[in-house]
Amino acid sequence: MRRILPVGMNPAAYTRALNAFAGVVGKPWLFNTDEDRETYLDIYAPGDEERHAPSAAVAPATTEEIQALLRIANEFKLPLWPISRGKNMGYGGAAPVMAGAVVLDLSRMTRILDVDPKLGYCELEPGVGFFQLHEYLTANKIPLWLSIPGNAWGSVIGNALERGFAASPYGEHSSNLCGLEVVLPTGDLVRTGMGAMKGAKAGPLFKFGFGPSWDQLFVQSNFGVVTRAGVWLMPEPEATATLSMGLPNPEDLGWAIDVLTPLRLNRTIEQSVGIASYMGTATVSSQRSEWYDGPGAMPDSVVQAILKKYDIGWWNFSVRLYGGEGAVAANRRTVEDAFAKHTRREFRASTWTKGQPSTPRGGAPSPGVFPLQVVNWHGGRGGHIGFSPAMPADGKLVMEQFARTRKRYAEFGQDYSATFYQNTRHVTNVNLIIYNRDDEGQTGRVRGLFDALVGDAHANGYGEYRTHISYMDKVAATFDFNGHALGRLNEKLKDALDPNGVLAPGKSGIWGSARRPRPPAKGRGK
């Protein structure tokens, strides 16, 4: 694959910068061949891979090496794009927003620095993945549970920094961060919260420290490189109960959300509940050609055939309850009674108590990558991208969002696939768009669909909580209160921390004046 340098980069200066990088990390850890560059491409890119092609990658092993690399990057004005493990599938993977940036690959930083079973936390480096941490806890018989997303191939810290989530009481992963070590774009090193004190004892325990709280400013931003973090883990409960149900009709979604919301607010249910369409089962268990090979979205007759074969509902969900055996039993009755007012269907139930082996139906969650099977739906080089707005946890509004989005899928000839995650006061609507990357017509329709969904969400007052690298500017532009005041604030902070714009330019639509490819958002205060 041909090398693309950053805009305005002098080739001779670029070569000197890479030589300096190699002097810091050693030549084996500078990845500079055509094959290397392909390794860091977005493997699910819906067309136009070169738009986000890196020019090289460098893999430091220590915080000190990261500091040195950033100082060199500033000297040569060479942009770096940090990744933890590069498994941010569906959002860009390891690829940078800005073509020609050098990927700063932190996957060698795999130390588990501390685990405290009594206070329920660990301290990690960014290269530690969910599999590694789960195996460590299991092998050492540490009674702490890890909250694990569907794609567990990635980094624990990296997922939290992207606001990843999972179905567990500790499932809002960015909220589990407590105390960060961060290399700023200039190479300076800071620790946040209580960790800012020499010899601090409460760094991973008290989130806010003294003065402004900075941890969340490094989430989905390009203000620094997180090199270690405290992460809160869930103490092993005495018991769990898992209740699963399929709902037969599309319109069942609305009342189900309205039943779940008060149960989440009063903490009868302490985890995110994902209500997934039938496609969640079909796409991991089969290929589209087994059901339908015609143009446009699958017709309702095919949908009914899928429901019948797999004995599933149009919508399907599971609720898991945690705590003492008596509390779990009482909460189970509460959940069952609440749903019995709306349906005669009964939950499929399974229980687990401490000391029993863990299974998918109970006990400690285990990491896996099985959900990535969805990319085989169309055949060819499969890919997926997600459009995920956050909206009020209100059944009527959720049904309107469902109908509006499903209509858009049909308009662009895509099979509708979505999950509505009830997250207490809000619902995150993850719309999965699956495609064959070898089908140029389909990838073009996918990009058109995504643009339409961004516009629809904005028109209804909803914004994405996370997006693909190709759409970061577009999504950032929808946060337009007071002439894009938030964008202007982000840019001011970026310019103060990163005057040369070397760290992850374009991340979350934040460029800084040194790299901005467009005029800054303007507006008058009102």
Protein backbone atom coordinates (compact mmCIF):
# COMPACT_ATOMS: atom_id res chain seq x y z
CA MET A 1 0.00 0.00 0.00
CA ARG A 2 1.44 3.38 -0.95
CA ARG A 3 2.59 5.69 1.79
CA ILE A 4 0.57 8.85 2.42
CA LEU A 5 2.30 11.58 4.39
CA PRO A 6 0.45 14.11 6.55
CA VAL A 7 -0.63 17.24 4.71
CA GLY A 8 2.29 19.68 4.53
CA MET A 9 4.87 17.18 5.79
CA ASN A 10 8.33 17.43 4.25
CA PRO A 11 9.52 13.90 3.21
CA ALA A 12 13.06 14.48 4.46
CA ALA A 13 11.81 15.74 7.84
CA TYR A 14 9.44 12.78 8.01
CA THR A 15 12.32 10.35 7.52
CA ARG A 16 14.37 12.08 10.24
CA ALA A 17 11.41 11.88 12.61
CA LEU A 18 10.99 8.14 12.03
CA ASN A 19 14.70 7.59 12.61
CA ALA A 20 14.39 9.47 15.88
CA PHE A 21 11.37 7.34 16.85
CA ALA A 22 13.42 4.19 16.16
CA GLY A 23 16.14 5.57 18.41
CA VAL A 24 13.63 5.67 21.27
CA VAL A 25 11.84 2.33 20.90
CA GLY A 26 14.35 0.30 18.86
CA LYS A 27 14.08 -0.46 15.13
CA PRO A 28 11.95 -3.63 15.60
CA TRP A 29 9.18 -1.49 17.10
CA LEU A 30 8.96 0.99 14.24
CA PHE A 31 6.51 -0.43 11.68
CA ASN A 32 7.22 1.19 8.34
CA THR A 33 6.56 -1.29 5.52
CA ASP A 34 3.59 -1.55 3.16
CA GLU A 35 2.42 -4.62 5.08
CA ASP A 36 2.71 -2.71 8.37
CA ARG A 37 0.56 0.12 7.08
CA GLU A 38 -2.12 -2.30 5.92
CA THR A 39 -2.18 -3.86 9.39
CA TYR A 40 -3.39 -0.56 10.84
CA LEU A 41 -6.12 0.14 8.28
CA ASP A 42 -9.79 0.08 9.24
CA ILE A 43 -10.67 -3.51 8.28
CA TYR A 44 -14.39 -2.63 8.18
CA ALA A 45 -14.03 0.64 6.24
CA PRO A 46 -17.14 1.31 4.09
CA GLY A 47 -14.99 2.38 1.12
CA ASP A 48 -12.15 4.89 0.69
CA GLU A 49 -9.60 3.20 2.97
CA GLU A 50 -6.85 5.67 2.06
CA ARG A 51 -8.84 8.52 3.61
CA HIS A 52 -7.65 7.18 6.98
CA ALA A 53 -4.41 5.44 6.03
CA PRO A 54 -1.52 5.78 8.51
CA SER A 55 2.01 6.37 7.23
CA ALA A 56 3.69 4.17 9.86
CA ALA A 57 3.32 2.97 13.44
CA VAL A 58 5.52 3.01 16.52
CA ALA A 59 5.10 0.85 19.62
CA PRO A 60 6.54 2.16 22.90
CA ALA A 61 6.85 -0.05 25.96
CA THR A 62 6.97 2.58 28.72
CA THR A 63 5.55 5.92 29.71
CA GLU A 64 9.01 7.44 29.34
CA GLU A 65 9.20 6.30 25.73
CA ILE A 66 5.81 7.87 25.02
CA GLN A 67 7.07 11.15 26.46
CA ALA A 68 10.13 11.02 24.23
CA LEU A 69 8.05 10.20 21.14
CA LEU A 70 5.72 13.12 21.75
CA ARG A 71 8.64 15.52 22.12
CA ILE A 72 10.02 14.30 18.78
CA ALA A 73 6.56 14.61 17.21
CA ASN A 74 6.42 18.23 18.34
CA GLU A 75 9.90 18.92 16.99
CA PHE A 76 8.92 17.67 13.53
CA LYS A 77 5.21 18.59 13.73
CA LEU A 78 4.34 14.95 12.92
CA PRO A 79 0.87 13.84 14.08
CA LEU A 80 0.49 10.71 16.23
CA TRP A 81 -2.68 8.64 16.62
CA PRO A 82 -2.71 6.67 19.91
CA ILE A 83 -4.44 3.30 20.14
CA SER A 84 -4.58 0.91 23.08
CA ARG A 85 -4.99 -2.35 21.15
CA GLY A 86 -6.61 -1.13 17.91
CA LYS A 87 -9.73 -3.29 18.19
CA ASN A 88 -12.31 -0.50 18.06
CA MET A 89 -14.26 -2.47 15.46
CA GLY A 90 -17.01 -0.62 13.63
CA TYR A 91 -15.62 2.75 14.71
CA GLY A 92 -12.37 2.79 12.72
CA GLY A 93 -10.27 0.06 14.33
CA ALA A 94 -6.66 1.24 14.55
CA ALA A 95 -6.88 3.79 11.73
CA PRO A 96 -6.41 7.54 12.35
CA VAL A 97 -8.82 10.28 11.38
CA MET A 98 -6.06 12.15 9.56
CA ALA A 99 -4.35 10.31 6.70
CA GLY A 100 -0.60 10.06 7.14
CA ALA A 101 -0.57 10.17 10.93
CA VAL A 102 1.75 7.72 12.68
CA VAL A 103 -0.09 5.24 14.86
CA LEU A 104 1.13 5.28 18.48
CA ASP A 105 0.48 1.62 19.34
CA LEU A 106 0.33 1.00 23.10
CA SER A 107 -0.35 -2.74 22.87
CA ARG A 108 3.07 -3.60 24.37
CA MET A 109 2.06 -1.91 27.64
CA THR A 110 0.40 -4.93 29.26
CA ARG A 111 1.21 -4.67 32.95
CA ILE A 112 -1.47 -5.32 35.56
CA LEU A 113 -0.02 -3.07 38.22
CA ASP A 114 -2.34 -3.75 41.15
CA VAL A 115 -5.53 -5.62 42.02
CA ASP A 116 -7.24 -5.04 45.37
CA PRO A 117 -9.93 -7.66 46.16
CA LYS A 118 -11.01 -5.85 49.33
CA LEU A 119 -11.71 -2.45 47.77
CA GLY A 120 -12.60 -3.77 44.33
CA TYR A 121 -10.24 -2.08 41.90
CA CYS A 122 -7.25 -2.68 39.67
CA GLU A 123 -4.62 -0.48 38.07
CA LEU A 124 -3.65 -1.26 34.50
CA GLU A 125 -1.70 -0.17 31.46
CA PRO A 126 -3.60 0.46 28.21
CA GLY A 127 -2.43 -2.70 26.45
CA VAL A 128 -4.21 -4.95 28.97
CA GLY A 129 -7.16 -6.58 27.20
CA PHE A 130 -10.34 -8.11 28.59
CA PHE A 131 -9.05 -11.65 27.99
CA GLN A 132 -5.81 -10.97 29.88
CA LEU A 133 -7.49 -9.37 32.89
CA HIS A 134 -10.20 -12.04 33.05
CA GLU A 135 -7.55 -14.80 32.98
CA TYR A 136 -5.57 -13.02 35.70
CA LEU A 137 -8.59 -12.74 38.00
CA THR A 138 -9.57 -16.35 37.35
CA ALA A 139 -6.09 -17.84 37.74
CA ASN A 140 -5.54 -16.00 41.03
CA LYS A 141 -9.05 -16.79 42.32
CA ILE A 142 -9.75 -13.11 42.89
CA PRO A 143 -13.49 -12.64 43.62
CA LEU A 144 -13.93 -9.62 41.35
CA TRP A 145 -15.96 -9.59 38.12
CA LEU A 146 -15.00 -7.74 34.98
CA SER A 147 -17.65 -5.96 32.91
CA ILE A 148 -17.08 -7.21 29.34
CA PRO A 149 -18.41 -5.81 26.03
CA GLY A 150 -19.53 -8.02 23.15
CA ASN A 151 -16.17 -7.67 21.39
CA ALA A 152 -13.71 -8.52 24.16
CA TRP A 153 -10.70 -8.35 21.85
CA GLY A 154 -9.96 -4.79 22.89
CA SER A 155 -8.36 -2.90 25.76
CA VAL A 156 -10.03 -2.46 29.15
CA ILE A 157 -8.83 1.14 29.39
CA GLY A 158 -9.34 1.86 25.68
CA ASN A 159 -12.95 0.69 25.82
CA ALA A 160 -13.62 2.87 28.86
CA LEU A 161 -12.02 5.88 27.14
CA GLU A 162 -14.45 5.38 24.22
CA ARG A 163 -17.45 5.12 26.59
CA GLY A 164 -17.98 1.46 25.82
CA PHE A 165 -20.59 -0.36 27.88
CA ALA A 166 -21.85 -3.82 28.76
CA ALA A 167 -24.79 -5.48 30.51
CA SER A 168 -23.60 -5.49 34.12
CA PRO A 169 -23.99 -3.29 37.21
CA TYR A 170 -20.55 -1.87 36.34
CA GLY A 171 -21.43 -1.65 32.66
CA GLU A 172 -20.90 2.09 32.10
CA HIS A 173 -17.18 1.66 31.68
CA SER A 174 -16.00 5.26 31.64
CA SER A 175 -17.65 5.68 35.06
CA ASN A 176 -15.35 2.96 36.42
CA LEU A 177 -12.21 4.99 35.69
CA CYS A 178 -10.66 6.49 38.81
CA GLY A 179 -7.28 8.16 38.67
CA LEU A 180 -5.37 8.41 35.41
CA GLU A 181 -1.73 8.80 34.48
CA VAL A 182 -1.55 10.88 31.31
CA VAL A 183 1.20 12.08 29.00
CA LEU A 184 0.14 15.46 27.63
CA PRO A 185 0.75 16.34 23.96
CA THR A 186 3.93 18.24 24.87
CA GLY A 187 5.38 15.20 26.69
CA ASP A 188 4.61 16.42 30.21
CA LEU A 189 3.31 13.79 32.66
CA VAL A 190 0.36 14.29 35.01
CA ARG A 191 -1.73 12.18 37.35
CA THR A 192 -5.32 13.12 38.04
CA GLY A 193 -7.45 13.20 41.16
CA MET A 194 -5.84 12.09 44.40
CA GLY A 195 -3.04 10.56 42.33
CA ALA A 196 -1.64 14.07 41.79
CA MET A 197 -0.11 13.80 45.29
CA LYS A 198 3.28 12.11 45.74
CA GLY A 199 2.80 8.83 47.55
CA ALA A 200 -0.99 9.03 47.12
CA LYS A 201 -2.95 6.22 48.77
CA ALA A 202 -6.44 7.02 47.41
CA GLY A 203 -5.70 7.62 43.71
CA PRO A 204 -7.90 4.74 42.42
CA LEU A 205 -10.50 5.18 45.17
CA PHE A 206 -11.82 8.77 45.14
CA LYS A 207 -12.67 10.07 41.68
CA PHE A 208 -12.61 13.78 42.21
CA GLY A 209 -9.46 14.69 44.09
CA PHE A 210 -9.09 18.40 44.84
CA GLY A 211 -10.09 21.10 42.40
CA PRO A 212 -11.32 20.41 38.87
CA SER A 213 -11.87 16.75 37.97
CA TRP A 214 -9.99 15.83 34.79
CA ASP A 215 -10.60 12.12 34.25
CA GLN A 216 -13.59 12.56 31.94
CA LEU A 217 -11.78 15.24 29.89
CA PHE A 218 -9.50 12.49 28.59
CA VAL A 219 -12.47 10.36 27.53
CA GLN A 220 -13.14 10.54 23.74
CA SER A 221 -10.69 13.43 23.49
CA ASN A 222 -7.22 14.12 22.10
CA PHE A 223 -5.91 16.02 25.11
CA GLY A 224 -3.45 13.35 26.30
CA VAL A 225 -2.28 9.74 26.17
CA VAL A 226 -3.50 7.64 29.10
CA THR A 227 -0.66 5.36 30.22
CA ARG A 228 -2.27 3.81 33.32
CA ALA A 229 -5.63 3.98 35.03
CA GLY A 230 -7.51 2.81 38.07
CA VAL A 231 -10.53 0.72 37.10
CA TRP A 232 -13.29 -0.29 39.49
CA LEU A 233 -14.41 -3.93 39.38
CA MET A 234 -17.55 -5.63 40.69
CA PRO A 235 -17.31 -7.79 43.84
CA GLU A 236 -18.59 -11.31 43.22
CA PRO A 237 -22.26 -11.49 44.30
CA GLU A 238 -23.87 -14.27 46.29
CA ALA A 239 -26.31 -15.15 43.53
CA THR A 240 -27.69 -14.19 40.12
CA ALA A 241 -30.88 -14.88 38.20
CA THR A 242 -31.17 -14.48 34.43
CA LEU A 243 -34.60 -13.86 32.89
CA SER A 244 -34.98 -13.99 29.10
CA MET A 245 -37.95 -13.25 26.89
CA GLY A 246 -38.84 -12.81 23.22
CA LEU A 247 -41.54 -10.32 22.25
CA PRO A 248 -43.49 -11.27 19.11
CA ASN A 249 -44.41 -7.88 17.64
CA PRO A 250 -42.44 -4.78 16.61
CA GLU A 251 -44.77 -2.55 18.68
CA ASP A 252 -43.91 -4.48 21.89
CA LEU A 253 -40.73 -2.42 22.12
CA GLY A 254 -42.50 0.68 23.45
CA TRP A 255 -44.28 -0.87 26.43
CA ALA A 256 -41.20 -2.97 27.27
CA ILE A 257 -39.10 0.19 27.62
CA ASP A 258 -41.78 1.74 29.83
CA VAL A 259 -41.80 -1.36 32.06
CA LEU A 260 -38.02 -1.46 32.36
CA THR A 261 -37.48 2.24 33.08
CA PRO A 262 -38.98 2.36 36.61
CA LEU A 263 -37.29 -0.94 37.44
CA ARG A 264 -33.96 0.60 36.47
CA LEU A 265 -34.64 3.86 38.26
CA ASN A 266 -35.45 2.10 41.56
CA ARG A 267 -32.51 -0.28 41.03
CA THR A 268 -34.50 -3.47 41.01
CA ILE A 269 -32.51 -4.01 37.80
CA GLU A 270 -28.92 -2.77 38.09
CA GLN A 271 -27.67 -3.46 34.58
CA SER A 272 -28.22 -2.11 31.11
CA VAL A 273 -30.89 -4.15 29.32
CA GLY A 274 -30.47 -4.55 25.57
CA ILE A 275 -33.66 -5.22 23.60
CA ALA A 276 -32.35 -6.64 20.32
CA SER A 277 -34.16 -7.25 17.06
CA TYR A 278 -34.32 -10.75 15.54
CA MET A 279 -31.34 -9.82 13.38
CA GLY A 280 -29.10 -10.20 16.42
CA THR A 281 -29.67 -13.96 16.20
CA ALA A 282 -29.89 -14.29 12.42
CA THR A 283 -26.63 -12.48 11.63
CA VAL A 284 -24.45 -14.54 13.99
CA SER A 285 -26.09 -17.86 13.08
CA SER A 286 -26.52 -17.69 9.31
CA GLN A 287 -25.90 -15.75 6.13
CA ARG A 288 -28.42 -13.65 4.27
CA SER A 289 -28.30 -15.86 1.18
CA GLU A 290 -29.84 -18.68 3.22
CA TRP A 291 -32.98 -16.57 3.62
CA TYR A 292 -33.21 -14.11 0.77
CA ASP A 293 -31.11 -13.08 -2.18
CA GLY A 294 -33.31 -10.42 -3.72
CA PRO A 295 -32.91 -6.64 -3.93
CA GLY A 296 -33.76 -4.30 -1.07
CA ALA A 297 -34.43 -5.14 2.56
CA MET A 298 -35.74 -8.60 3.48
CA PRO A 299 -39.56 -8.79 3.26
CA ASP A 300 -41.73 -9.56 6.30
CA SER A 301 -42.35 -13.13 5.09
CA VAL A 302 -38.62 -13.83 5.42
CA VAL A 303 -38.55 -12.20 8.85
CA GLN A 304 -41.32 -14.55 10.00
CA ALA A 305 -39.35 -17.54 8.71
CA ILE A 306 -36.36 -16.43 10.80
CA LEU A 307 -38.52 -16.05 13.93
CA LYS A 308 -39.97 -19.52 13.44
CA LYS A 309 -36.68 -21.31 12.79
CA TYR A 310 -34.90 -19.88 15.82
CA ASP A 311 -37.99 -19.72 18.06
CA ILE A 312 -37.28 -16.09 18.92
CA GLY A 313 -39.24 -12.87 19.15
CA TRP A 314 -39.16 -9.82 16.92
CA TRP A 315 -37.44 -8.30 19.98
CA ASN A 316 -35.40 -10.32 22.48
CA PHE A 317 -33.81 -9.41 25.79
CA SER A 318 -32.36 -10.74 29.03
CA VAL A 319 -32.38 -9.27 32.52
CA ARG A 320 -29.79 -10.41 35.04
CA LEU A 321 -30.31 -9.77 38.75
CA TYR A 322 -27.48 -9.73 41.32
CA GLY A 323 -27.14 -9.87 45.11
CA GLY A 324 -28.04 -12.10 48.05
CA GLU A 325 -30.26 -15.08 47.26
CA GLY A 326 -33.26 -13.55 49.06
CA ALA A 327 -32.85 -10.19 47.31
CA VAL A 328 -32.48 -11.84 43.90
CA ALA A 329 -35.61 -13.92 44.46
CA ALA A 330 -37.61 -10.87 45.55
CA ASN A 331 -36.42 -8.77 42.61
CA ARG A 332 -37.20 -11.62 40.24
CA ARG A 333 -40.82 -11.64 41.41
CA THR A 334 -40.99 -7.88 40.95
CA VAL A 335 -39.72 -8.08 37.37
CA GLU A 336 -42.00 -10.99 36.49
CA ASP A 337 -45.05 -9.24 37.95
CA ALA A 338 -44.28 -6.02 36.04
CA PHE A 339 -44.12 -7.83 32.70
CA ALA A 340 -47.13 -10.03 33.45
CA LYS A 341 -49.31 -6.90 33.26
CA HIS A 342 -48.48 -6.62 29.54
CA THR A 343 -47.88 -10.15 28.25
CA ARG A 344 -48.81 -13.74 28.97
CA ARG A 345 -45.37 -14.86 27.92
CA GLU A 346 -43.19 -16.15 30.74
CA PHE A 347 -39.51 -15.61 31.23
CA ARG A 348 -37.03 -18.38 30.62
CA ALA A 349 -35.12 -18.35 33.91
CA SER A 350 -31.81 -19.68 35.18
CA THR A 351 -30.11 -19.15 38.52
CA TRP A 352 -26.56 -19.24 39.79
CA THR A 353 -25.14 -19.23 43.33
CA LYS A 354 -21.62 -18.58 44.51
CA GLY A 355 -19.43 -21.67 44.20
CA GLN A 356 -21.10 -22.98 41.07
CA PRO A 357 -19.25 -22.90 37.72
CA SER A 358 -19.84 -19.83 35.59
CA THR A 359 -21.83 -20.31 32.38
CA PRO A 360 -23.34 -17.90 29.80
CA ARG A 361 -26.53 -18.09 31.89
CA GLY A 362 -24.97 -17.21 35.24
CA GLY A 363 -21.80 -16.43 37.12
CA ALA A 364 -18.84 -14.32 36.10
CA PRO A 365 -19.02 -13.03 32.50
CA SER A 366 -16.42 -14.46 30.14
CA PRO A 367 -14.74 -12.63 27.23
CA GLY A 368 -15.45 -13.58 23.63
CA VAL A 369 -15.61 -12.24 20.09
CA PHE A 370 -18.58 -14.23 18.76
CA PRO A 371 -20.69 -11.11 17.99
CA LEU A 372 -18.14 -10.15 15.30
CA GLN A 373 -19.63 -13.03 13.30
CA VAL A 374 -22.25 -10.55 12.05
CA VAL A 375 -19.89 -9.28 9.34
CA ASN A 376 -20.38 -12.53 7.39
CA TRP A 377 -24.08 -11.73 6.77
CA HIS A 378 -23.59 -10.53 3.17
CA GLY A 379 -20.49 -12.57 2.38
CA GLY A 380 -17.35 -11.12 0.80
CA ARG A 381 -15.15 -8.89 2.92
CA GLY A 382 -17.70 -8.10 5.57
CA GLY A 383 -17.89 -4.94 7.61
CA HIS A 384 -20.19 -3.11 9.96
CA ILE A 385 -20.69 0.38 11.26
CA GLY A 386 -22.97 1.51 14.06
CA PHE A 387 -25.15 4.60 14.41
CA SER A 388 -25.88 5.04 18.11
CA PRO A 389 -27.86 8.07 19.34
CA ALA A 390 -28.82 8.55 22.98
CA MET A 391 -32.45 9.47 23.70
CA PRO A 392 -34.93 9.66 26.61
CA ALA A 393 -36.07 6.36 28.12
CA ASP A 394 -39.65 6.87 26.99
CA GLY A 395 -41.59 4.18 25.14
CA LYS A 396 -43.43 6.56 22.81
CA LEU A 397 -40.25 8.33 21.72
CA VAL A 398 -38.45 5.01 21.33
CA MET A 399 -41.18 3.71 19.02
CA GLU A 400 -40.97 6.87 16.94
CA GLN A 401 -37.19 6.44 16.67
CA PHE A 402 -37.63 2.79 15.69
CA ALA A 403 -40.19 3.55 12.96
CA ARG A 404 -38.19 6.47 11.57
CA THR A 405 -34.94 4.50 11.44
CA ARG A 406 -36.46 1.32 10.04
CA LYS A 407 -37.98 3.38 7.25
CA ARG A 408 -34.55 4.81 6.43
CA TYR A 409 -33.04 1.33 6.26
CA ALA A 410 -35.71 0.29 3.77
CA GLU A 411 -35.13 3.47 1.74
CA PHE A 412 -31.45 2.55 1.31
CA GLY A 413 -32.08 -1.17 0.78
CA GLN A 414 -30.56 -2.35 4.08
CA ASP A 415 -31.83 -5.01 6.48
CA TYR A 416 -32.88 -3.31 9.71
CA SER A 417 -30.81 -4.42 12.71
CA ALA A 418 -30.90 -2.61 16.03
CA THR A 419 -30.70 -2.89 19.79
CA PHE A 420 -32.25 -0.45 22.24
CA TYR A 421 -30.24 -0.38 25.48
CA GLN A 422 -32.22 0.80 28.50
CA ASN A 423 -29.59 2.71 30.52
CA THR A 424 -31.72 4.02 33.42
CA ARG A 425 -32.75 7.53 32.30
CA HIS A 426 -31.71 7.24 28.69
CA VAL A 427 -31.83 4.67 25.92
CA THR A 428 -28.90 4.13 23.55
CA ASN A 429 -30.19 3.01 20.17
CA VAL A 430 -27.38 1.04 18.50
CA ASN A 431 -28.28 0.64 14.82
CA LEU A 432 -26.03 -1.93 13.18
CA ILE A 433 -25.37 -1.45 9.46
CA ILE A 434 -23.79 -4.54 7.88
CA TYR A 435 -22.32 -4.61 4.39
CA ASN A 436 -20.03 -6.38 1.95
CA ARG A 437 -17.00 -4.16 1.44
CA ASP A 438 -16.52 -5.65 -2.03
CA ASP A 439 -19.94 -4.34 -3.12
CA GLU A 440 -19.27 -0.72 -4.09
CA GLY A 441 -22.96 0.01 -4.62
CA GLN A 442 -23.85 -1.25 -1.18
CA THR A 443 -21.09 0.65 0.61
CA GLY A 444 -22.25 3.81 -1.16
CA ARG A 445 -25.79 3.23 0.09
CA VAL A 446 -24.44 2.62 3.59
CA ARG A 447 -22.73 6.00 3.59
CA GLY A 448 -25.94 7.62 2.38
CA LEU A 449 -27.92 5.86 5.11
CA PHE A 450 -25.50 7.01 7.78
CA ASP A 451 -25.71 10.62 6.63
CA ALA A 452 -29.52 10.42 6.70
CA LEU A 453 -29.52 8.95 10.22
CA VAL A 454 -27.26 11.74 11.50
CA GLY A 455 -29.64 14.32 10.06
CA ASP A 456 -32.76 12.61 11.45
CA ALA A 457 -31.28 12.33 14.93
CA HIS A 458 -30.19 15.96 14.94
CA ALA A 459 -33.64 17.11 13.79
CA ASN A 460 -35.19 15.27 16.73
CA GLY A 461 -32.71 16.49 19.34
CA TYR A 462 -30.66 13.29 19.64
CA GLY A 463 -26.89 12.98 19.30
CA GLU A 464 -24.54 10.04 18.90
CA TYR A 465 -22.61 9.00 21.98
CA ARG A 466 -19.76 7.57 19.86
CA THR A 467 -19.07 7.39 16.14
CA HIS A 468 -16.85 6.11 13.35
CA ILE A 469 -13.73 8.12 12.46
CA SER A 470 -15.23 9.10 9.07
CA TYR A 471 -18.14 10.87 10.77
CA MET A 472 -16.51 12.59 13.73
CA ASP A 473 -16.69 16.06 12.17
CA LYS A 474 -20.26 15.53 11.01
CA VAL A 475 -21.45 14.32 14.42
CA ALA A 476 -19.52 17.01 16.31
CA ALA A 477 -21.24 19.63 14.14
CA THR A 478 -24.66 18.48 15.39
CA PHE A 479 -23.79 19.72 18.90
CA ASP A 480 -24.60 23.26 17.82
CA PHE A 481 -26.01 25.12 20.84
CA ASN A 482 -24.96 28.78 20.92
CA GLY A 483 -23.01 28.71 17.68
CA HIS A 484 -21.18 25.45 18.49
CA ALA A 485 -19.98 26.78 21.83
CA LEU A 486 -18.87 23.33 22.99
CA GLY A 487 -16.76 22.88 19.86
CA ARG A 488 -15.13 26.25 20.40
CA LEU A 489 -14.37 25.34 24.02
CA ASN A 490 -12.81 22.04 22.95
CA GLU A 491 -10.69 23.82 20.35
CA LYS A 492 -9.45 26.38 22.90
CA LEU A 493 -8.39 23.61 25.25
CA LYS A 494 -6.76 21.73 22.38
CA ASP A 495 -4.71 24.77 21.38
CA ALA A 496 -3.59 25.30 24.98
CA LEU A 497 -2.51 21.69 25.54
CA ASP A 498 -1.33 20.84 22.03
CA PRO A 499 -0.16 24.01 20.24
CA ASN A 500 1.40 22.01 17.37
CA GLY A 501 -1.65 19.78 16.93
CA VAL A 502 0.40 16.58 17.03
CA LEU A 503 -1.90 14.34 19.08
CA ALA A 504 -4.80 12.61 17.31
CA PRO A 505 -5.92 15.53 15.13
CA GLY A 506 -9.61 15.23 14.30
CA LYS A 507 -10.49 12.95 17.19
CA SER A 508 -14.14 13.63 18.13
CA GLY A 509 -14.09 16.54 15.68
CA ILE A 510 -11.35 18.35 17.66
CA TRP A 511 -8.49 19.56 15.47
CA GLY A 512 -6.89 22.64 16.99
CA SER A 513 -5.77 25.65 14.98
CA ALA A 514 -2.54 23.98 13.82
CA ARG A 515 -4.37 21.20 11.96
CA ARG A 516 -7.89 22.43 11.40
CA PRO A 517 -8.95 21.57 7.82
CA ARG A 518 -11.86 23.99 7.90
CA PRO A 519 -12.66 27.39 9.47
CA PRO A 520 -13.44 27.11 13.20
CA ALA A 521 -17.09 27.02 14.19
CA LYS A 522 -18.29 30.56 14.74
CA GLY A 523 -21.24 31.93 16.65
CA ARG A 524 -22.36 34.79 18.78
CA GLY A 525 -23.33 34.30 22.39
CA LYS A 526 -26.99 34.61 23.17
